[in-house]
């Protein structure tokens, strides 16, 4: 017999509630990697982040700022500009992210096989239904 799940296992003090990353969040880790070598302007970030909309990039950057991983600096020069930069806390997440990337590389074929099998099974269920 299985032990029942505790109703308070995800209470407000659970560390997962503070996690700035969700495993399905596509953009935050990519933005962090773009900022690894130093500050970048908004337009610079859009170059390698193919497919991201300005709205989504803005939302992701604000979320990273909220979590203390990125700072936003506005320069009021003759040509005003804004730069985003990793904080020390933001830099500290690069190593765990690289570990996750290494895991994905190691299990790449298994992940692709699982996705293909899922798609085949889902397609067969859709055709049968």
C-alpha atoms as a PDB file:
ATOM      1  CA  UNK A   1       0.000   0.000   0.000  1.00  0.00           C
ATOM      2  CA  UNK A   2       1.287   3.432  -0.911  1.00  0.00           C
ATOM      3  CA  UNK A   3       1.736   6.177   1.613  1.00  0.00           C
ATOM      4  CA  UNK A   4      -0.773   8.991   0.963  1.00  0.00           C
ATOM      5  CA  UNK A   5       0.523  12.310  -0.292  1.00  0.00           C
ATOM      6  CA  UNK A   6       0.832  14.975   2.381  1.00  0.00           C
ATOM      7  CA  UNK A   7      -1.645  17.799   1.797  1.00  0.00           C
ATOM      8  CA  UNK A   8       1.013  20.369   2.751  1.00  0.00           C
ATOM      9  CA  UNK A   9       3.870  18.980   0.670  1.00  0.00           C
ATOM     10  CA  UNK A  10       3.867  22.142  -1.464  1.00  0.00           C
ATOM     11  CA  UNK A  11       3.077  24.736   1.160  1.00  0.00           C
ATOM     12  CA  UNK A  12       4.250  28.322   0.823  1.00  0.00           C
ATOM     13  CA  UNK A  13       7.574  27.456   2.478  1.00  0.00           C
ATOM     14  CA  UNK A  14       8.427  24.834  -0.142  1.00  0.00           C
ATOM     15  CA  UNK A  15      11.638  25.774  -1.994  1.00  0.00           C
ATOM     16  CA  UNK A  16      10.040  24.899  -5.342  1.00  0.00           C
ATOM     17  CA  UNK A  17       7.718  27.873  -4.945  1.00  0.00           C
ATOM     18  CA  UNK A  18      10.728  30.195  -5.172  1.00  0.00           C
ATOM     19  CA  UNK A  19      12.350  28.486  -8.125  1.00  0.00           C
ATOM     20  CA  UNK A  20      12.808  31.005 -10.924  1.00  0.00           C
ATOM     21  CA  UNK A  21      12.873  28.184 -13.436  1.00  0.00           C
ATOM     22  CA  UNK A  22      10.252  25.794 -14.575  1.00  0.00           C
ATOM     23  CA  UNK A  23      11.450  22.811 -16.552  1.00  0.00           C
ATOM     24  CA  UNK A  24       9.161  23.824 -19.382  1.00  0.00           C
ATOM     25  CA  UNK A  25      10.241  27.486 -19.419  1.00  0.00           C
ATOM     26  CA  UNK A  26      11.949  27.857 -22.752  1.00  0.00           C
ATOM     27  CA  UNK A  27      13.258  31.399 -22.589  1.00  0.00           C
ATOM     28  CA  UNK A  28      14.737  32.112 -19.126  1.00  0.00           C
ATOM     29  CA  UNK A  29      17.680  29.697 -19.429  1.00  0.00           C
ATOM     30  CA  UNK A  30      18.374  30.870 -22.978  1.00  0.00           C
ATOM     31  CA  UNK A  31      18.387  34.510 -21.882  1.00  0.00           C
ATOM     32  CA  UNK A  32      20.790  33.684 -19.063  1.00  0.00           C
ATOM     33  CA  UNK A  33      23.169  32.005 -21.499  1.00  0.00           C
ATOM     34  CA  UNK A  34      22.980  35.072 -23.773  1.00  0.00           C
ATOM     35  CA  UNK A  35      24.043  37.248 -20.829  1.00  0.00           C
ATOM     36  CA  UNK A  36      26.892  34.961 -19.726  1.00  0.00           C
ATOM     37  CA  UNK A  37      29.584  37.069 -21.423  1.00  0.00           C
ATOM     38  CA  UNK A  38      28.322  40.424 -20.178  1.00  0.00           C
ATOM     39  CA  UNK A  39      25.581  43.010 -20.546  1.00  0.00           C
ATOM     40  CA  UNK A  40      23.402  43.050 -23.644  1.00  0.00           C
ATOM     41  CA  UNK A  41      20.805  45.346 -25.114  1.00  0.00           C
ATOM     42  CA  UNK A  42      17.263  44.154 -25.774  1.00  0.00           C
ATOM     43  CA  UNK A  43      17.823  44.125 -29.544  1.00  0.00           C
ATOM     44  CA  UNK A  44      21.011  42.063 -29.123  1.00  0.00           C
ATOM     45  CA  UNK A  45      19.101  39.417 -27.166  1.00  0.00           C
ATOM     46  CA  UNK A  46      16.531  39.031 -29.934  1.00  0.00           C
ATOM     47  CA  UNK A  47      19.192  37.963 -32.476  1.00  0.00           C
ATOM     48  CA  UNK A  48      19.975  34.462 -31.104  1.00  0.00           C
ATOM     49  CA  UNK A  49      16.514  33.994 -29.562  1.00  0.00           C
ATOM     50  CA  UNK A  50      14.776  33.165 -32.822  1.00  0.00           C
ATOM     51  CA  UNK A  51      11.038  33.268 -32.592  1.00  0.00           C
ATOM     52  CA  UNK A  52      10.710  35.205 -29.335  1.00  0.00           C
ATOM     53  CA  UNK A  53       8.338  38.133 -29.486  1.00  0.00           C
ATOM     54  CA  UNK A  54       9.206  41.480 -27.948  1.00  0.00           C
ATOM     55  CA  UNK A  55       6.380  40.988 -25.445  1.00  0.00           C
ATOM     56  CA  UNK A  56       7.618  37.550 -24.371  1.00  0.00           C
ATOM     57  CA  UNK A  57      11.218  38.750 -24.072  1.00  0.00           C
ATOM     58  CA  UNK A  58      10.061  41.685 -21.936  1.00  0.00           C
ATOM     59  CA  UNK A  59       8.026  39.366 -19.696  1.00  0.00           C
ATOM     60  CA  UNK A  60      10.915  36.919 -19.333  1.00  0.00           C
ATOM     61  CA  UNK A  61      13.397  39.681 -18.519  1.00  0.00           C
ATOM     62  CA  UNK A  62      11.025  41.129 -15.913  1.00  0.00           C
ATOM     63  CA  UNK A  63      10.649  37.699 -14.340  1.00  0.00           C
ATOM     64  CA  UNK A  64      14.419  37.284 -14.192  1.00  0.00           C
ATOM     65  CA  UNK A  65      14.706  40.750 -12.637  1.00  0.00           C
ATOM     66  CA  UNK A  66      12.015  39.886 -10.095  1.00  0.00           C
ATOM     67  CA  UNK A  67      13.937  36.775  -9.091  1.00  0.00           C
ATOM     68  CA  UNK A  68      17.183  38.718  -8.720  1.00  0.00           C
ATOM     69  CA  UNK A  69      18.968  37.018 -11.617  1.00  0.00           C
ATOM     70  CA  UNK A  70      19.183  39.990 -13.978  1.00  0.00           C
ATOM     71  CA  UNK A  71      19.591  43.731 -13.568  1.00  0.00           C
ATOM     72  CA  UNK A  72      18.280  46.372 -15.948  1.00  0.00           C
ATOM     73  CA  UNK A  73      20.306  49.556 -16.359  1.00  0.00           C
ATOM     74  CA  UNK A  74      18.935  52.545 -18.263  1.00  0.00           C
ATOM     75  CA  UNK A  75      21.507  55.000 -19.571  1.00  0.00           C
ATOM     76  CA  UNK A  76      20.310  58.565 -20.152  1.00  0.00           C
ATOM     77  CA  UNK A  77      22.886  59.614 -22.691  1.00  0.00           C
ATOM     78  CA  UNK A  78      22.404  61.458 -25.972  1.00  0.00           C
ATOM     79  CA  UNK A  79      21.190  58.114 -27.321  1.00  0.00           C
ATOM     80  CA  UNK A  80      19.308  56.505 -24.426  1.00  0.00           C
ATOM     81  CA  UNK A  81      19.829  52.771 -24.073  1.00  0.00           C
ATOM     82  CA  UNK A  82      19.006  49.931 -21.720  1.00  0.00           C
ATOM     83  CA  UNK A  83      21.219  46.969 -20.899  1.00  0.00           C
ATOM     84  CA  UNK A  84      20.509  43.726 -19.089  1.00  0.00           C
ATOM     85  CA  UNK A  85      23.158  41.951 -17.064  1.00  0.00           C
ATOM     86  CA  UNK A  86      23.408  38.879 -14.866  1.00  0.00           C
ATOM     87  CA  UNK A  87      23.663  39.442 -11.138  1.00  0.00           C
ATOM     88  CA  UNK A  88      25.988  37.257  -9.045  1.00  0.00           C
ATOM     89  CA  UNK A  89      22.913  35.145  -8.264  1.00  0.00           C
ATOM     90  CA  UNK A  90      22.202  34.858 -11.988  1.00  0.00           C
ATOM     91  CA  UNK A  91      25.786  33.809 -12.667  1.00  0.00           C
ATOM     92  CA  UNK A  92      25.509  31.123 -10.007  1.00  0.00           C
ATOM     93  CA  UNK A  93      22.819  29.316 -11.996  1.00  0.00           C
ATOM     94  CA  UNK A  94      24.977  28.826 -15.102  1.00  0.00           C
ATOM     95  CA  UNK A  95      26.830  25.787 -13.739  1.00  0.00           C
ATOM     96  CA  UNK A  96      23.615  23.865 -12.847  1.00  0.00           C
ATOM     97  CA  UNK A  97      22.206  24.773 -16.264  1.00  0.00           C
ATOM     98  CA  UNK A  98      25.302  23.365 -17.969  1.00  0.00           C
ATOM     99  CA  UNK A  99      24.861  20.182 -15.929  1.00  0.00           C
ATOM    100  CA  UNK A 100      21.276  19.908 -17.211  1.00  0.00           C
ATOM    101  CA  UNK A 101      22.491  20.478 -20.777  1.00  0.00           C
ATOM    102  CA  UNK A 102      25.057  17.708 -20.357  1.00  0.00           C
ATOM    103  CA  UNK A 103      22.311  15.378 -19.110  1.00  0.00           C
ATOM    104  CA  UNK A 104      20.168  16.197 -22.154  1.00  0.00           C
ATOM    105  CA  UNK A 105      23.118  15.530 -24.470  1.00  0.00           C
ATOM    106  CA  UNK A 106      23.755  12.194 -22.792  1.00  0.00           C
ATOM    107  CA  UNK A 107      20.098  11.148 -23.107  1.00  0.00           C
ATOM    108  CA  UNK A 108      19.305  12.836 -26.421  1.00  0.00           C
ATOM    109  CA  UNK A 109      18.411   9.654 -28.319  1.00  0.00           C
ATOM    110  CA  UNK A 110      16.244   8.347 -25.482  1.00  0.00           C
ATOM    111  CA  UNK A 111      14.365  11.639 -25.275  1.00  0.00           C
ATOM    112  CA  UNK A 112      13.733  11.696 -29.025  1.00  0.00           C
ATOM    113  CA  UNK A 113      12.628   8.056 -29.023  1.00  0.00           C
ATOM    114  CA  UNK A 114      10.210   8.724 -26.163  1.00  0.00           C
ATOM    115  CA  UNK A 115       8.710  11.727 -27.936  1.00  0.00           C
ATOM    116  CA  UNK A 116       8.338   9.843 -31.204  1.00  0.00           C
ATOM    117  CA  UNK A 117       6.671   6.920 -29.416  1.00  0.00           C
ATOM    118  CA  UNK A 118       4.314   9.298 -27.651  1.00  0.00           C
ATOM    119  CA  UNK A 119       3.380  11.001 -30.921  1.00  0.00           C
ATOM    120  CA  UNK A 120       2.763   7.636 -32.617  1.00  0.00           C
ATOM    121  CA  UNK A 121       0.546   6.452 -29.754  1.00  0.00           C
ATOM    122  CA  UNK A 122      -1.350   9.743 -29.619  1.00  0.00           C
ATOM    123  CA  UNK A 123      -1.865   9.703 -33.384  1.00  0.00           C
ATOM    124  CA  UNK A 124      -3.191   6.114 -33.256  1.00  0.00           C
ATOM    125  CA  UNK A 125      -5.602   7.020 -30.444  1.00  0.00           C
ATOM    126  CA  UNK A 126      -6.839  10.054 -32.390  1.00  0.00           C
ATOM    127  CA  UNK A 127      -7.467   7.898 -35.484  1.00  0.00           C
ATOM    128  CA  UNK A 128      -9.274   5.225 -33.454  1.00  0.00           C
ATOM    129  CA  UNK A 129     -11.492   7.780 -31.670  1.00  0.00           C
END
